[in-house]
Each structure stands twice: as C-alpha cells, then as structure tokens.
C-alpha atoms as a PDB file:
ATOM      1  CA  UNK A   1      35.881  23.147   8.097  1.00  0.00           C
ATOM      2  CA  UNK A   2      35.479  19.467   8.881  1.00  0.00           C
ATOM      3  CA  UNK A   3      31.735  19.954   9.285  1.00  0.00           C
ATOM      4  CA  UNK A   4      31.504  21.293   5.770  1.00  0.00           C
ATOM      5  CA  UNK A   5      33.543  18.358   4.454  1.00  0.00           C
ATOM      6  CA  UNK A   6      31.172  15.863   6.063  1.00  0.00           C
ATOM      7  CA  UNK A   7      28.127  17.803   4.820  1.00  0.00           C
ATOM      8  CA  UNK A   8      29.473  17.824   1.289  1.00  0.00           C
ATOM      9  CA  UNK A   9      30.349  14.136   1.186  1.00  0.00           C
ATOM     10  CA  UNK A  10      27.185  12.854   3.037  1.00  0.00           C
ATOM     11  CA  UNK A  11      25.116  10.689   0.711  1.00  0.00           C
ATOM     12  CA  UNK A  12      22.379   9.768   3.200  1.00  0.00           C
ATOM     13  CA  UNK A  13      19.557  11.900   1.751  1.00  0.00           C
ATOM     14  CA  UNK A  14      20.522  11.351  -1.822  1.00  0.00           C
ATOM     15  CA  UNK A  15      18.730   8.044  -2.066  1.00  0.00           C
ATOM     16  CA  UNK A  16      15.360   9.592  -1.116  1.00  0.00           C
ATOM     17  CA  UNK A  17      15.831  12.227  -3.844  1.00  0.00           C
ATOM     18  CA  UNK A  18      16.563   9.646  -6.457  1.00  0.00           C
ATOM     19  CA  UNK A  19      13.564   7.588  -5.503  1.00  0.00           C
ATOM     20  CA  UNK A  20      11.386  10.725  -5.650  1.00  0.00           C
ATOM     21  CA  UNK A  21      12.616  11.522  -9.152  1.00  0.00           C
ATOM     22  CA  UNK A  22      12.078   7.950 -10.415  1.00  0.00           C
ATOM     23  CA  UNK A  23       8.516   7.962  -8.924  1.00  0.00           C
ATOM     24  CA  UNK A  24       7.732  11.259 -10.657  1.00  0.00           C
ATOM     25  CA  UNK A  25       8.981   9.913 -13.981  1.00  0.00           C
ATOM     26  CA  UNK A  26       6.997   6.667 -13.611  1.00  0.00           C
ATOM     27  CA  UNK A  27       3.851   8.642 -12.690  1.00  0.00           C
ATOM     28  CA  UNK A  28       4.107  10.902 -15.759  1.00  0.00           C
ATOM     29  CA  UNK A  29       4.587   7.876 -17.966  1.00  0.00           C
ATOM     30  CA  UNK A  30       1.550   6.057 -16.430  1.00  0.00           C
ATOM     31  CA  UNK A  31      -0.692   9.136 -16.503  1.00  0.00           C
ATOM     32  CA  UNK A  32       0.231   9.749 -20.158  1.00  0.00           C
ATOM     33  CA  UNK A  33      -0.402   6.178 -21.155  1.00  0.00           C
ATOM     34  CA  UNK A  34      -3.750   6.102 -19.441  1.00  0.00           C
ATOM     35  CA  UNK A  35      -4.706   9.416 -21.066  1.00  0.00           C
ATOM     36  CA  UNK A  36      -3.749   8.120 -24.514  1.00  0.00           C
ATOM     37  CA  UNK A  37      -5.495   4.773 -24.068  1.00  0.00           C
ATOM     38  CA  UNK A  38      -8.611   6.437 -22.653  1.00  0.00           C
ATOM     39  CA  UNK A  39      -8.912   8.749 -25.599  1.00  0.00           C
ATOM     40  CA  UNK A  40      -8.451   5.937 -28.119  1.00  0.00           C
ATOM     41  CA  UNK A  41     -10.836   3.687 -26.198  1.00  0.00           C
ATOM     42  CA  UNK A  42     -13.511   6.437 -26.166  1.00  0.00           C
ATOM     43  CA  UNK A  43     -13.180   6.800 -29.930  1.00  0.00           C
ATOM     44  CA  UNK A  44     -13.473   3.079 -30.492  1.00  0.00           C
ATOM     45  CA  UNK A  45     -16.563   2.754 -28.277  1.00  0.00           C
ATOM     46  CA  UNK A  46     -18.150   5.753 -30.018  1.00  0.00           C
ATOM     47  CA  UNK A  47     -17.589   4.289 -33.431  1.00  0.00           C
ATOM     48  CA  UNK A  48     -19.030   0.926 -32.330  1.00  0.00           C
ATOM     49  CA  UNK A  49     -22.066   2.539 -30.726  1.00  0.00           C
ATOM     50  CA  UNK A  50     -22.744   4.646 -33.878  1.00  0.00           C
ATOM     51  CA  UNK A  51     -22.412   1.579 -36.120  1.00  0.00           C
ATOM     52  CA  UNK A  52     -24.822  -0.467 -34.019  1.00  0.00           C
ATOM     53  CA  UNK A  53     -27.574   2.067 -34.172  1.00  0.00           C
END
C-alpha cells in the first residue's frame, strides 16, 4: 500500500509532460503563423509581379 501511495504522489515525471505539452502548443502556434504569413506573402508577391509586367 505504501508503494501505491508513493507512486500516486510522485511528481518527478510530471515536469517532462508539462514541457512536452508546452512545446507542442508552441509548435502549433509557430507552424500556423508561418503558414498564414507564407500564404499572404505569396499573394503579395504575385500581385507585385503581375503589376510589374
């Protein structure tokens, strides 16, 4: 029973899981931002290229 109590209250691996979740959220935000900027930049460059010709 004492082993189960120690296992339940052990917080050693919890930090790694929290960092993994934070990293996943940050990566989703960065990838979404790059995708949005990339699409808008492509549109702007296409408009500029067509107006030059």
